[in-house]
Amino acid sequence: MAWCPKCRNEYVEGIQVCADCGSELVETLPSETEETILYGGIQTTVNPDFAQASVLDDAEKQEETAGREYHSVYKDNAQKAADCKDSGYTLVGVGALGLLAVILSAAGVIPMRMQGSAAVLSYGVMGTVFLIFLVVGIRSMQSAKSYRKKALKESNLKEQIMNWCRENLTAEKIETALTEEGLSEEEKYFKRTEQMKTLISHSFINIEEGFLDNLIDEFYPELFEGK
């Protein structure tokens, strides 16, 4: 007798392909403790417990990757202030020059081929667009001022936490989190930083996670450089 490994249907001898799914028939079915799944388009027979563990491992790796990406995209308030300032100057410049060009064109200083209602409509649309650029640019520059004030407070807080870390955190104290042996350097790094985050959070509450992560990354080499 022949069997479909996917549908688990039984066929008479002589039939080689399953009529339902098109899979090639086999002489014996896998045991009930195994499953047939697809990995990268290749049909493979695996143990369900192993498959579940693999899925969990992949999920953990994705979380770690997401954590590392989060570190890379975090911007402090000083950087936000600089970005808003640059974009503000650009938008204000484009808006002001655009409005000047529209005014000069309407006054006939800069000749335009369009006349009548078409010219009026064009002036109105272009004037509105450049006015929006100007307004958004001014707001960006105002936001830059606000971020600069926050950056000053953030800098003071960072200095305060760094001083606390130098007085209260030691490599030996952080190593208490490493209860397992044979850990890789990457595993040690994550366990150490989690322990540092826990200790700092007990003394400084309501700290933004991205700010704390970057501060720990900066302080980490002071404790474990060369270890």
N, C-alpha and C. Protein backbone atom coordinates (compact mmCIF):
# COMPACT_ATOMS: atom_id res chain seq x y z
N MET A 1 0.84 -1.19 0.00
CA MET A 1 0.00 0.00 0.00
C MET A 1 0.89 1.26 0.00
N ALA A 2 0.33 2.34 -0.50
CA ALA A 2 1.05 3.61 -0.53
C ALA A 2 0.30 4.65 0.30
N TRP A 3 1.04 5.59 0.84
CA TRP A 3 0.46 6.60 1.73
C TRP A 3 0.92 8.00 1.31
N CYS A 4 0.04 8.98 1.53
CA CYS A 4 0.41 10.37 1.33
C CYS A 4 0.98 10.91 2.64
N PRO A 5 2.25 11.37 2.66
CA PRO A 5 2.85 11.84 3.91
C PRO A 5 2.22 13.13 4.45
N LYS A 6 1.51 13.85 3.58
CA LYS A 6 0.91 15.11 3.99
C LYS A 6 -0.55 14.94 4.40
N CYS A 7 -1.34 14.31 3.54
CA CYS A 7 -2.76 14.11 3.84
C CYS A 7 -3.00 12.86 4.68
N ARG A 8 -2.00 11.92 4.67
CA ARG A 8 -2.09 10.66 5.41
C ARG A 8 -3.22 9.78 4.85
N ASN A 9 -3.47 9.91 3.57
CA ASN A 9 -4.46 9.06 2.91
C ASN A 9 -3.79 7.81 2.36
N GLU A 10 -4.55 6.73 2.34
CA GLU A 10 -4.02 5.46 1.84
C GLU A 10 -4.44 5.26 0.38
N TYR A 11 -3.49 4.77 -0.44
CA TYR A 11 -3.77 4.52 -1.85
C TYR A 11 -3.38 3.09 -2.21
N VAL A 12 -4.03 2.61 -3.27
CA VAL A 12 -3.70 1.27 -3.75
C VAL A 12 -2.38 1.33 -4.48
N GLU A 13 -1.75 0.18 -4.65
CA GLU A 13 -0.46 0.11 -5.31
C GLU A 13 -0.59 0.55 -6.76
N GLY A 14 0.45 1.18 -7.26
CA GLY A 14 0.46 1.66 -8.62
C GLY A 14 0.28 3.17 -8.72
N ILE A 15 -0.34 3.77 -7.70
CA ILE A 15 -0.52 5.23 -7.67
C ILE A 15 0.69 5.84 -6.99
N GLN A 16 1.28 6.87 -7.57
CA GLN A 16 2.52 7.47 -7.06
C GLN A 16 2.34 8.89 -6.53
N VAL A 17 1.24 9.55 -6.91
CA VAL A 17 1.03 10.94 -6.49
C VAL A 17 -0.33 11.08 -5.83
N CYS A 18 -0.38 11.88 -4.74
CA CYS A 18 -1.64 12.11 -4.02
C CYS A 18 -2.59 12.92 -4.88
N ALA A 19 -3.84 12.49 -4.97
CA ALA A 19 -4.82 13.19 -5.79
C ALA A 19 -5.28 14.50 -5.16
N ASP A 20 -5.11 14.65 -3.82
CA ASP A 20 -5.57 15.86 -3.14
C ASP A 20 -4.53 16.97 -3.12
N CYS A 21 -3.27 16.63 -2.78
CA CYS A 21 -2.25 17.67 -2.62
C CYS A 21 -1.10 17.56 -3.61
N GLY A 22 -1.01 16.47 -4.33
CA GLY A 22 0.04 16.32 -5.33
C GLY A 22 1.36 15.83 -4.78
N SER A 23 1.42 15.46 -3.49
CA SER A 23 2.67 14.97 -2.90
C SER A 23 2.96 13.55 -3.39
N GLU A 24 4.25 13.22 -3.46
CA GLU A 24 4.64 11.86 -3.83
C GLU A 24 4.32 10.91 -2.68
N LEU A 25 3.79 9.76 -3.01
CA LEU A 25 3.39 8.79 -1.99
C LEU A 25 4.62 8.06 -1.45
N VAL A 26 4.49 7.58 -0.21
CA VAL A 26 5.56 6.83 0.45
C VAL A 26 5.01 5.49 0.91
N GLU A 27 5.90 4.58 1.20
CA GLU A 27 5.46 3.24 1.61
C GLU A 27 5.00 3.22 3.06
N THR A 28 5.60 4.05 3.92
CA THR A 28 5.22 4.09 5.33
C THR A 28 5.07 5.53 5.77
N LEU A 29 4.18 5.77 6.73
CA LEU A 29 3.98 7.11 7.27
C LEU A 29 4.93 7.39 8.42
N PRO A 30 5.28 8.67 8.67
CA PRO A 30 6.08 9.01 9.85
C PRO A 30 5.31 8.67 11.11
N SER A 31 6.04 8.48 12.22
CA SER A 31 5.38 8.17 13.48
C SER A 31 4.52 9.34 13.93
N GLU A 32 3.58 9.10 14.82
CA GLU A 32 2.64 10.13 15.25
C GLU A 32 3.32 11.22 16.06
N THR A 33 4.54 10.96 16.54
CA THR A 33 5.26 11.97 17.33
C THR A 33 6.05 12.91 16.46
N GLU A 34 5.95 12.73 15.11
CA GLU A 34 6.67 13.59 14.20
C GLU A 34 5.70 14.28 13.27
N GLU A 35 6.13 15.39 12.70
CA GLU A 35 5.31 16.15 11.78
C GLU A 35 6.12 16.47 10.54
N THR A 36 5.42 16.64 9.42
CA THR A 36 6.07 17.08 8.19
C THR A 36 5.79 18.55 8.01
N ILE A 37 6.86 19.35 7.97
CA ILE A 37 6.70 20.80 7.82
C ILE A 37 7.62 21.28 6.71
N LEU A 38 7.50 22.53 6.36
CA LEU A 38 8.32 23.11 5.29
C LEU A 38 9.31 24.08 5.90
N TYR A 39 10.58 23.93 5.56
CA TYR A 39 11.62 24.87 5.94
C TYR A 39 12.26 25.39 4.66
N GLY A 40 12.05 26.67 4.36
CA GLY A 40 12.64 27.24 3.16
C GLY A 40 12.16 26.57 1.89
N GLY A 41 10.91 26.08 1.89
CA GLY A 41 10.36 25.45 0.70
C GLY A 41 10.73 23.99 0.59
N ILE A 42 11.51 23.44 1.55
CA ILE A 42 11.91 22.03 1.52
C ILE A 42 11.10 21.27 2.54
N GLN A 43 10.46 20.19 2.14
CA GLN A 43 9.63 19.40 3.03
C GLN A 43 10.52 18.56 3.93
N THR A 44 10.35 18.69 5.25
CA THR A 44 11.22 18.02 6.21
C THR A 44 10.38 17.43 7.32
N THR A 45 10.76 16.26 7.80
CA THR A 45 10.07 15.62 8.91
C THR A 45 10.83 15.91 10.20
N VAL A 46 10.15 16.54 11.16
CA VAL A 46 10.80 16.93 12.41
C VAL A 46 9.92 16.57 13.59
N ASN A 47 10.53 16.57 14.76
CA ASN A 47 9.80 16.37 16.00
C ASN A 47 9.13 17.68 16.38
N PRO A 48 7.83 17.68 16.76
CA PRO A 48 7.12 18.92 17.11
C PRO A 48 7.78 19.69 18.23
N ASP A 49 8.35 18.97 19.24
CA ASP A 49 9.00 19.66 20.35
C ASP A 49 10.21 20.45 19.85
N PHE A 50 10.97 19.83 18.91
CA PHE A 50 12.12 20.52 18.35
C PHE A 50 11.70 21.73 17.55
N ALA A 51 10.60 21.58 16.79
CA ALA A 51 10.11 22.69 15.97
C ALA A 51 9.68 23.86 16.85
N GLN A 52 8.99 23.54 17.97
CA GLN A 52 8.54 24.60 18.88
C GLN A 52 9.74 25.32 19.50
N ALA A 53 10.78 24.54 19.87
CA ALA A 53 11.96 25.16 20.45
C ALA A 53 12.65 26.06 19.45
N SER A 54 12.68 25.63 18.19
CA SER A 54 13.31 26.44 17.15
C SER A 54 12.56 27.75 16.97
N VAL A 55 11.23 27.69 17.01
CA VAL A 55 10.42 28.90 16.87
C VAL A 55 10.69 29.86 18.02
N LEU A 56 10.81 29.31 19.25
CA LEU A 56 11.09 30.15 20.40
C LEU A 56 12.47 30.79 20.30
N ASP A 57 13.46 30.00 19.84
CA ASP A 57 14.80 30.55 19.67
C ASP A 57 14.80 31.69 18.66
N ASP A 58 14.06 31.50 17.55
CA ASP A 58 13.99 32.55 16.53
C ASP A 58 13.34 33.81 17.09
N ALA A 59 12.29 33.62 17.92
CA ALA A 59 11.61 34.78 18.51
C ALA A 59 12.55 35.54 19.43
N GLU A 60 13.36 34.80 20.23
CA GLU A 60 14.30 35.46 21.13
C GLU A 60 15.35 36.23 20.36
N LYS A 61 15.83 35.63 19.24
CA LYS A 61 16.83 36.33 18.43
C LYS A 61 16.25 37.60 17.84
N GLN A 62 14.96 37.54 17.41
CA GLN A 62 14.32 38.73 16.85
C GLN A 62 14.19 39.82 17.90
N GLU A 63 13.88 39.43 19.16
CA GLU A 63 13.77 40.43 20.22
C GLU A 63 15.11 41.09 20.49
N GLU A 64 16.20 40.27 20.49
CA GLU A 64 17.53 40.83 20.72
C GLU A 64 17.91 41.79 19.60
N THR A 65 17.59 41.38 18.34
CA THR A 65 17.89 42.24 17.20
C THR A 65 17.12 43.54 17.29
N ALA A 66 15.82 43.44 17.67
CA ALA A 66 15.00 44.65 17.81
C ALA A 66 15.58 45.56 18.87
N GLY A 67 16.10 44.95 19.97
CA GLY A 67 16.71 45.75 21.01
C GLY A 67 17.92 46.51 20.52
N ARG A 68 18.77 45.82 19.73
CA ARG A 68 19.96 46.48 19.20
C ARG A 68 19.59 47.57 18.22
N GLU A 69 18.54 47.37 17.40
CA GLU A 69 18.10 48.39 16.48
C GLU A 69 17.57 49.60 17.23
N TYR A 70 16.90 49.33 18.38
CA TYR A 70 16.37 50.44 19.16
C TYR A 70 17.49 51.35 19.65
N HIS A 71 18.63 50.70 20.07
CA HIS A 71 19.78 51.49 20.51
C HIS A 71 20.26 52.40 19.41
N SER A 72 20.29 51.88 18.18
CA SER A 72 20.90 52.61 17.08
C SER A 72 20.05 53.80 16.63
N VAL A 73 18.73 53.75 16.83
CA VAL A 73 17.88 54.81 16.33
C VAL A 73 17.55 55.86 17.39
N TYR A 74 17.95 55.63 18.66
CA TYR A 74 17.62 56.59 19.71
C TYR A 74 18.37 57.90 19.48
N LYS A 75 17.67 58.99 19.64
CA LYS A 75 18.28 60.32 19.52
C LYS A 75 18.05 61.08 20.82
N ASP A 76 19.12 61.69 21.33
CA ASP A 76 18.93 62.51 22.51
C ASP A 76 18.38 63.87 22.10
N ASN A 77 18.02 64.67 23.07
CA ASN A 77 17.38 65.96 22.78
C ASN A 77 18.33 66.93 22.08
N ALA A 78 19.62 66.81 22.33
CA ALA A 78 20.58 67.68 21.63
C ALA A 78 20.56 67.39 20.13
N GLN A 79 20.50 66.11 19.77
CA GLN A 79 20.45 65.75 18.36
C GLN A 79 19.13 66.18 17.73
N LYS A 80 18.04 66.03 18.49
CA LYS A 80 16.74 66.46 17.98
C LYS A 80 16.73 67.97 17.74
N ALA A 81 17.36 68.71 18.64
CA ALA A 81 17.43 70.17 18.49
C ALA A 81 18.20 70.54 17.23
N ALA A 82 19.31 69.85 16.99
CA ALA A 82 20.11 70.13 15.80
C ALA A 82 19.34 69.79 14.53
N ASP A 83 18.62 68.67 14.55
CA ASP A 83 17.84 68.27 13.37
C ASP A 83 16.73 69.28 13.08
N CYS A 84 16.02 69.71 14.13
CA CYS A 84 14.95 70.69 13.95
C CYS A 84 15.49 72.03 13.46
N LYS A 85 16.65 72.41 13.96
CA LYS A 85 17.26 73.67 13.54
C LYS A 85 17.62 73.63 12.06
N ASP A 86 18.24 72.52 11.64
CA ASP A 86 18.64 72.40 10.23
C ASP A 86 17.43 72.40 9.30
N SER A 87 16.41 71.59 9.66
CA SER A 87 15.22 71.53 8.81
C SER A 87 14.46 72.86 8.84
N GLY A 88 14.47 73.54 9.98
CA GLY A 88 13.80 74.83 10.09
C GLY A 88 14.42 75.87 9.18
N TYR A 89 15.75 75.96 9.21
CA TYR A 89 16.43 76.92 8.33
C TYR A 89 16.16 76.61 6.86
N THR A 90 16.16 75.32 6.52
CA THR A 90 15.92 74.94 5.12
C THR A 90 14.52 75.33 4.68
N LEU A 91 13.53 75.00 5.50
CA LEU A 91 12.14 75.30 5.14
C LEU A 91 11.87 76.80 5.09
N VAL A 92 12.42 77.52 6.05
CA VAL A 92 12.22 78.97 6.06
C VAL A 92 12.87 79.59 4.82
N GLY A 93 14.07 79.13 4.46
CA GLY A 93 14.74 79.66 3.28
C GLY A 93 13.97 79.39 2.01
N VAL A 94 13.49 78.14 1.85
CA VAL A 94 12.72 77.79 0.66
C VAL A 94 11.41 78.57 0.61
N GLY A 95 10.74 78.66 1.76
CA GLY A 95 9.47 79.37 1.81
C GLY A 95 9.62 80.86 1.50
N ALA A 96 10.65 81.48 2.09
CA ALA A 96 10.84 82.91 1.88
C ALA A 96 11.21 83.22 0.43
N LEU A 97 12.13 82.44 -0.13
CA LEU A 97 12.52 82.66 -1.52
C LEU A 97 11.36 82.39 -2.48
N GLY A 98 10.57 81.36 -2.16
CA GLY A 98 9.42 81.04 -3.00
C GLY A 98 8.38 82.14 -3.00
N LEU A 99 8.08 82.66 -1.80
CA LEU A 99 7.11 83.75 -1.70
C LEU A 99 7.62 85.00 -2.41
N LEU A 100 8.92 85.26 -2.30
CA LEU A 100 9.50 86.42 -2.99
C LEU A 100 9.36 86.28 -4.51
N ALA A 101 9.60 85.03 -4.99
CA ALA A 101 9.48 84.79 -6.42
C ALA A 101 8.03 84.98 -6.89
N VAL A 102 7.07 84.52 -6.10
CA VAL A 102 5.65 84.67 -6.45
C VAL A 102 5.27 86.15 -6.49
N ILE A 103 5.73 86.93 -5.49
CA ILE A 103 5.41 88.35 -5.45
C ILE A 103 6.00 89.09 -6.65
N LEU A 104 7.25 88.78 -6.96
CA LEU A 104 7.90 89.43 -8.11
C LEU A 104 7.24 89.05 -9.43
N SER A 105 6.79 87.80 -9.51
CA SER A 105 6.08 87.37 -10.73
C SER A 105 4.75 88.08 -10.86
N ALA A 106 4.02 88.20 -9.74
CA ALA A 106 2.72 88.89 -9.78
C ALA A 106 2.88 90.37 -10.12
N ALA A 107 4.02 90.94 -9.70
CA ALA A 107 4.26 92.36 -9.98
C ALA A 107 4.81 92.58 -11.38
N GLY A 108 5.10 91.50 -12.09
CA GLY A 108 5.60 91.63 -13.44
C GLY A 108 7.10 91.75 -13.55
N VAL A 109 7.80 91.72 -12.42
CA VAL A 109 9.26 91.81 -12.44
C VAL A 109 9.85 90.56 -13.07
N ILE A 110 9.28 89.40 -12.69
CA ILE A 110 9.67 88.14 -13.31
C ILE A 110 8.55 87.76 -14.26
N PRO A 111 8.80 87.78 -15.56
CA PRO A 111 7.73 87.50 -16.51
C PRO A 111 7.26 86.05 -16.46
N MET A 112 5.95 85.84 -16.60
CA MET A 112 5.36 84.50 -16.69
C MET A 112 4.50 84.43 -17.94
N ARG A 113 4.47 83.30 -18.57
CA ARG A 113 3.73 83.13 -19.81
C ARG A 113 2.22 83.03 -19.57
N MET A 114 1.84 82.60 -18.37
CA MET A 114 0.41 82.44 -18.07
C MET A 114 -0.23 83.80 -17.80
N GLN A 115 -1.48 83.90 -18.17
CA GLN A 115 -2.22 85.13 -17.96
C GLN A 115 -3.64 84.82 -17.48
N GLY A 116 -4.31 85.84 -17.02
CA GLY A 116 -5.70 85.70 -16.62
C GLY A 116 -5.90 84.79 -15.42
N SER A 117 -6.98 84.01 -15.47
CA SER A 117 -7.33 83.15 -14.34
C SER A 117 -6.28 82.08 -14.07
N ALA A 118 -5.62 81.59 -15.11
CA ALA A 118 -4.57 80.57 -14.93
C ALA A 118 -3.42 81.13 -14.12
N ALA A 119 -3.04 82.35 -14.38
CA ALA A 119 -1.96 82.98 -13.63
C ALA A 119 -2.35 83.20 -12.19
N VAL A 120 -3.58 83.66 -11.97
CA VAL A 120 -4.06 83.89 -10.61
C VAL A 120 -4.08 82.59 -9.81
N LEU A 121 -4.56 81.52 -10.45
CA LEU A 121 -4.60 80.22 -9.78
C LEU A 121 -3.19 79.74 -9.45
N SER A 122 -2.27 79.91 -10.38
CA SER A 122 -0.88 79.47 -10.15
C SER A 122 -0.26 80.25 -9.00
N TYR A 123 -0.45 81.58 -8.99
CA TYR A 123 0.07 82.41 -7.90
C TYR A 123 -0.50 81.96 -6.55
N GLY A 124 -1.80 81.68 -6.55
CA GLY A 124 -2.44 81.28 -5.30
C GLY A 124 -1.91 79.97 -4.78
N VAL A 125 -1.79 78.97 -5.68
CA VAL A 125 -1.30 77.65 -5.25
C VAL A 125 0.15 77.74 -4.79
N MET A 126 1.01 78.36 -5.59
CA MET A 126 2.42 78.45 -5.23
C MET A 126 2.62 79.28 -3.96
N GLY A 127 1.85 80.35 -3.84
CA GLY A 127 1.96 81.18 -2.64
C GLY A 127 1.57 80.40 -1.39
N THR A 128 0.51 79.60 -1.50
CA THR A 128 0.07 78.79 -0.35
C THR A 128 1.12 77.76 0.04
N VAL A 129 1.69 77.08 -0.96
CA VAL A 129 2.71 76.05 -0.69
C VAL A 129 3.93 76.65 0.00
N PHE A 130 4.43 77.77 -0.53
CA PHE A 130 5.62 78.39 0.07
C PHE A 130 5.31 78.98 1.44
N LEU A 131 4.06 79.43 1.64
CA LEU A 131 3.68 79.93 2.95
C LEU A 131 3.67 78.80 3.98
N ILE A 132 3.20 77.63 3.55
CA ILE A 132 3.23 76.46 4.44
C ILE A 132 4.66 76.11 4.80
N PHE A 133 5.57 76.11 3.81
CA PHE A 133 6.98 75.85 4.10
C PHE A 133 7.51 76.81 5.15
N LEU A 134 7.15 78.09 4.99
CA LEU A 134 7.63 79.12 5.91
C LEU A 134 7.11 78.88 7.33
N VAL A 135 5.82 78.55 7.45
CA VAL A 135 5.22 78.33 8.77
C VAL A 135 5.82 77.09 9.44
N VAL A 136 5.94 75.99 8.67
CA VAL A 136 6.51 74.76 9.23
C VAL A 136 7.96 74.99 9.64
N GLY A 137 8.71 75.75 8.85
CA GLY A 137 10.09 76.04 9.20
C GLY A 137 10.21 76.82 10.50
N ILE A 138 9.33 77.81 10.67
CA ILE A 138 9.35 78.60 11.91
C ILE A 138 9.02 77.72 13.11
N ARG A 139 8.04 76.82 12.94
CA ARG A 139 7.69 75.92 14.04
C ARG A 139 8.83 74.96 14.35
N SER A 140 9.55 74.51 13.33
CA SER A 140 10.70 73.63 13.56
C SER A 140 11.78 74.34 14.36
N MET A 141 12.00 75.61 14.06
CA MET A 141 12.99 76.38 14.81
C MET A 141 12.55 76.60 16.25
N GLN A 142 11.25 76.76 16.45
CA GLN A 142 10.73 76.88 17.82
C GLN A 142 10.90 75.56 18.57
N SER A 143 10.68 74.45 17.87
CA SER A 143 10.87 73.14 18.48
C SER A 143 12.33 72.93 18.86
N ALA A 144 13.24 73.46 18.02
CA ALA A 144 14.66 73.33 18.31
C ALA A 144 15.01 74.02 19.64
N LYS A 145 14.41 75.17 19.89
CA LYS A 145 14.64 75.86 21.16
C LYS A 145 14.14 75.03 22.34
N SER A 146 12.98 74.42 22.15
CA SER A 146 12.42 73.58 23.22
C SER A 146 13.31 72.37 23.50
N TYR A 147 13.81 71.75 22.42
CA TYR A 147 14.69 70.59 22.58
C TYR A 147 16.02 70.98 23.23
N ARG A 148 16.50 72.17 22.96
CA ARG A 148 17.75 72.62 23.58
C ARG A 148 17.59 72.75 25.09
N LYS A 149 16.43 73.23 25.53
CA LYS A 149 16.17 73.31 26.98
C LYS A 149 16.12 71.92 27.60
N LYS A 150 15.44 70.99 26.89
CA LYS A 150 15.39 69.62 27.39
C LYS A 150 16.76 68.97 27.38
N ALA A 151 17.58 69.33 26.37
CA ALA A 151 18.92 68.75 26.27
C ALA A 151 19.79 69.16 27.46
N LEU A 152 19.61 70.38 27.92
CA LEU A 152 20.37 70.85 29.08
C LEU A 152 20.01 70.04 30.32
N LYS A 153 18.70 69.83 30.53
CA LYS A 153 18.26 69.02 31.67
C LYS A 153 18.74 67.58 31.52
N GLU A 154 18.69 67.08 30.29
CA GLU A 154 19.13 65.72 30.03
C GLU A 154 20.62 65.56 30.31
N SER A 155 21.40 66.56 29.94
CA SER A 155 22.83 66.53 30.18
C SER A 155 23.15 66.52 31.68
N ASN A 156 22.41 67.33 32.43
CA ASN A 156 22.61 67.37 33.88
C ASN A 156 22.24 66.04 34.53
N LEU A 157 21.14 65.44 34.06
CA LEU A 157 20.71 64.16 34.60
C LEU A 157 21.73 63.07 34.25
N LYS A 158 22.24 63.11 33.03
CA LYS A 158 23.23 62.12 32.61
C LYS A 158 24.49 62.21 33.46
N GLU A 159 24.94 63.43 33.71
CA GLU A 159 26.13 63.61 34.55
C GLU A 159 25.88 63.11 35.96
N GLN A 160 24.68 63.35 36.47
CA GLN A 160 24.33 62.89 37.83
C GLN A 160 24.33 61.37 37.91
N ILE A 161 23.73 60.72 36.90
CA ILE A 161 23.67 59.26 36.90
C ILE A 161 25.06 58.65 36.71
N MET A 162 25.86 59.24 35.83
CA MET A 162 27.21 58.72 35.59
C MET A 162 28.05 58.81 36.86
N ASN A 163 27.92 59.91 37.61
CA ASN A 163 28.65 60.05 38.87
C ASN A 163 28.19 59.00 39.87
N TRP A 164 26.86 58.74 39.90
CA TRP A 164 26.32 57.72 40.80
C TRP A 164 26.87 56.34 40.42
N CYS A 165 26.92 56.08 39.14
CA CYS A 165 27.42 54.78 38.67
C CYS A 165 28.88 54.57 39.08
N ARG A 166 29.69 55.61 38.93
CA ARG A 166 31.11 55.49 39.28
C ARG A 166 31.31 55.28 40.78
N GLU A 167 30.37 55.78 41.57
CA GLU A 167 30.48 55.64 43.03
C GLU A 167 29.89 54.33 43.54
N ASN A 168 28.89 53.79 42.83
CA ASN A 168 28.13 52.66 43.37
C ASN A 168 28.24 51.36 42.58
N LEU A 169 28.63 51.43 41.34
CA LEU A 169 28.69 50.22 40.53
C LEU A 169 30.13 49.77 40.33
N THR A 170 30.35 48.49 40.53
CA THR A 170 31.65 47.88 40.27
C THR A 170 31.45 46.64 39.41
N ALA A 171 32.51 46.22 38.76
CA ALA A 171 32.42 45.03 37.91
C ALA A 171 32.02 43.82 38.75
N GLU A 172 32.57 43.73 39.97
CA GLU A 172 32.26 42.58 40.82
C GLU A 172 30.78 42.56 41.20
N LYS A 173 30.21 43.73 41.44
CA LYS A 173 28.79 43.82 41.81
C LYS A 173 27.90 43.43 40.64
N ILE A 174 28.27 43.83 39.43
CA ILE A 174 27.49 43.48 38.25
C ILE A 174 27.61 42.01 37.93
N GLU A 175 28.79 41.41 38.21
CA GLU A 175 29.01 40.01 37.88
C GLU A 175 28.10 39.07 38.67
N THR A 176 27.45 39.55 39.72
CA THR A 176 26.55 38.69 40.48
C THR A 176 25.37 38.21 39.63
N ALA A 177 25.11 38.91 38.53
CA ALA A 177 24.01 38.50 37.64
C ALA A 177 24.41 37.32 36.77
N LEU A 178 25.71 37.03 36.68
CA LEU A 178 26.18 35.94 35.82
C LEU A 178 26.29 34.67 36.64
N THR A 179 25.16 34.04 36.87
CA THR A 179 25.12 32.82 37.68
C THR A 179 25.43 31.56 36.88
N GLU A 180 25.38 31.66 35.54
CA GLU A 180 25.64 30.51 34.70
C GLU A 180 27.09 30.53 34.21
N GLU A 181 27.61 29.34 33.92
CA GLU A 181 28.96 29.22 33.42
C GLU A 181 28.94 28.97 31.91
N GLY A 182 30.05 29.30 31.27
CA GLY A 182 30.16 29.03 29.84
C GLY A 182 29.36 29.98 28.97
N LEU A 183 29.09 31.18 29.47
CA LEU A 183 28.33 32.15 28.68
C LEU A 183 29.22 32.79 27.62
N SER A 184 28.63 33.08 26.47
CA SER A 184 29.36 33.79 25.43
C SER A 184 29.49 35.26 25.82
N GLU A 185 30.37 35.98 25.11
CA GLU A 185 30.55 37.40 25.41
C GLU A 185 29.27 38.20 25.20
N GLU A 186 28.51 37.82 24.18
CA GLU A 186 27.25 38.51 23.91
C GLU A 186 26.25 38.28 25.04
N GLU A 187 26.18 37.03 25.53
CA GLU A 187 25.28 36.71 26.64
C GLU A 187 25.71 37.45 27.91
N LYS A 188 27.02 37.52 28.14
CA LYS A 188 27.51 38.27 29.30
C LYS A 188 27.12 39.74 29.20
N TYR A 189 27.26 40.28 28.00
CA TYR A 189 26.94 41.69 27.80
C TYR A 189 25.48 41.98 28.16
N PHE A 190 24.56 41.16 27.66
CA PHE A 190 23.14 41.40 27.92
C PHE A 190 22.80 41.22 29.39
N LYS A 191 23.38 40.23 30.05
CA LYS A 191 23.09 40.02 31.48
C LYS A 191 23.68 41.15 32.32
N ARG A 192 24.88 41.59 31.97
CA ARG A 192 25.49 42.70 32.71
C ARG A 192 24.68 43.99 32.57
N THR A 193 24.29 44.31 31.32
CA THR A 193 23.54 45.55 31.09
C THR A 193 22.17 45.51 31.75
N GLU A 194 21.53 44.34 31.77
CA GLU A 194 20.24 44.22 32.46
C GLU A 194 20.41 44.44 33.96
N GLN A 195 21.49 43.91 34.53
CA GLN A 195 21.75 44.13 35.95
C GLN A 195 22.03 45.60 36.23
N MET A 196 22.79 46.24 35.36
CA MET A 196 23.07 47.67 35.52
C MET A 196 21.78 48.49 35.43
N LYS A 197 20.93 48.13 34.48
CA LYS A 197 19.67 48.84 34.31
C LYS A 197 18.79 48.70 35.55
N THR A 198 18.77 47.51 36.12
CA THR A 198 17.96 47.27 37.32
C THR A 198 18.45 48.12 38.49
N LEU A 199 19.77 48.13 38.72
CA LEU A 199 20.33 48.88 39.84
C LEU A 199 20.12 50.39 39.67
N ILE A 200 20.33 50.89 38.45
CA ILE A 200 20.15 52.32 38.22
C ILE A 200 18.68 52.72 38.37
N SER A 201 17.77 51.88 37.87
CA SER A 201 16.34 52.19 37.93
C SER A 201 15.82 52.23 39.36
N HIS A 202 16.47 51.53 40.28
CA HIS A 202 16.05 51.57 41.67
C HIS A 202 16.35 52.92 42.31
N SER A 203 17.39 53.60 41.82
CA SER A 203 17.76 54.89 42.39
C SER A 203 17.23 56.07 41.59
N PHE A 204 17.00 55.86 40.28
CA PHE A 204 16.49 56.93 39.43
C PHE A 204 15.25 56.41 38.70
N ILE A 205 14.10 56.85 39.13
CA ILE A 205 12.85 56.32 38.57
C ILE A 205 12.39 57.16 37.39
N ASN A 206 11.52 56.54 36.59
CA ASN A 206 10.89 57.21 35.43
C ASN A 206 11.91 57.74 34.42
N ILE A 207 12.98 56.97 34.20
CA ILE A 207 13.97 57.35 33.19
C ILE A 207 13.55 56.75 31.86
N GLU A 208 13.64 57.52 30.79
CA GLU A 208 13.30 57.02 29.47
C GLU A 208 14.22 55.85 29.12
N GLU A 209 13.63 54.79 28.60
CA GLU A 209 14.39 53.56 28.38
C GLU A 209 15.53 53.77 27.38
N GLY A 210 15.25 54.47 26.29
CA GLY A 210 16.29 54.70 25.30
C GLY A 210 17.45 55.51 25.88
N PHE A 211 17.15 56.51 26.67
CA PHE A 211 18.18 57.32 27.33
C PHE A 211 19.03 56.47 28.26
N LEU A 212 18.38 55.60 29.03
CA LEU A 212 19.10 54.74 29.97
C LEU A 212 19.96 53.72 29.23
N ASP A 213 19.44 53.14 28.17
CA ASP A 213 20.20 52.16 27.40
C ASP A 213 21.48 52.78 26.83
N ASN A 214 21.37 53.99 26.29
CA ASN A 214 22.54 54.64 25.72
C ASN A 214 23.54 55.04 26.80
N LEU A 215 23.05 55.45 27.94
CA LEU A 215 23.94 55.80 29.05
C LEU A 215 24.72 54.57 29.51
N ILE A 216 24.03 53.43 29.61
CA ILE A 216 24.69 52.19 30.02
C ILE A 216 25.73 51.75 29.00
N ASP A 217 25.41 51.89 27.73
CA ASP A 217 26.37 51.55 26.67
C ASP A 217 27.63 52.41 26.79
N GLU A 218 27.46 53.66 27.20
CA GLU A 218 28.60 54.56 27.34
C GLU A 218 29.44 54.23 28.57
N PHE A 219 28.76 53.81 29.66
CA PHE A 219 29.47 53.53 30.90
C PHE A 219 30.05 52.12 30.94
N TYR A 220 29.48 51.23 30.18
CA TYR A 220 29.89 49.81 30.20
C TYR A 220 31.39 49.62 30.02
N PRO A 221 32.04 50.27 29.04
CA PRO A 221 33.49 50.05 28.87
C PRO A 221 34.32 50.44 30.08
N GLU A 222 33.85 51.38 30.88
CA GLU A 222 34.60 51.77 32.07
C GLU A 222 34.71 50.63 33.06
N LEU A 223 33.71 49.75 33.08
CA LEU A 223 33.73 48.64 34.03
C LEU A 223 34.36 47.38 33.45
N PHE A 224 34.08 47.14 32.17
CA PHE A 224 34.44 45.83 31.61
C PHE A 224 35.41 45.91 30.44
N GLU A 225 36.10 47.02 30.25
CA GLU A 225 37.08 47.13 29.19
C GLU A 225 38.20 46.13 29.42
N GLY A 226 38.39 45.24 28.46
CA GLY A 226 39.47 44.26 28.55
C GLY A 226 39.10 43.00 29.28
N LYS A 227 37.83 42.91 29.78
CA LYS A 227 37.43 41.70 30.51
C LYS A 227 36.98 40.63 29.55
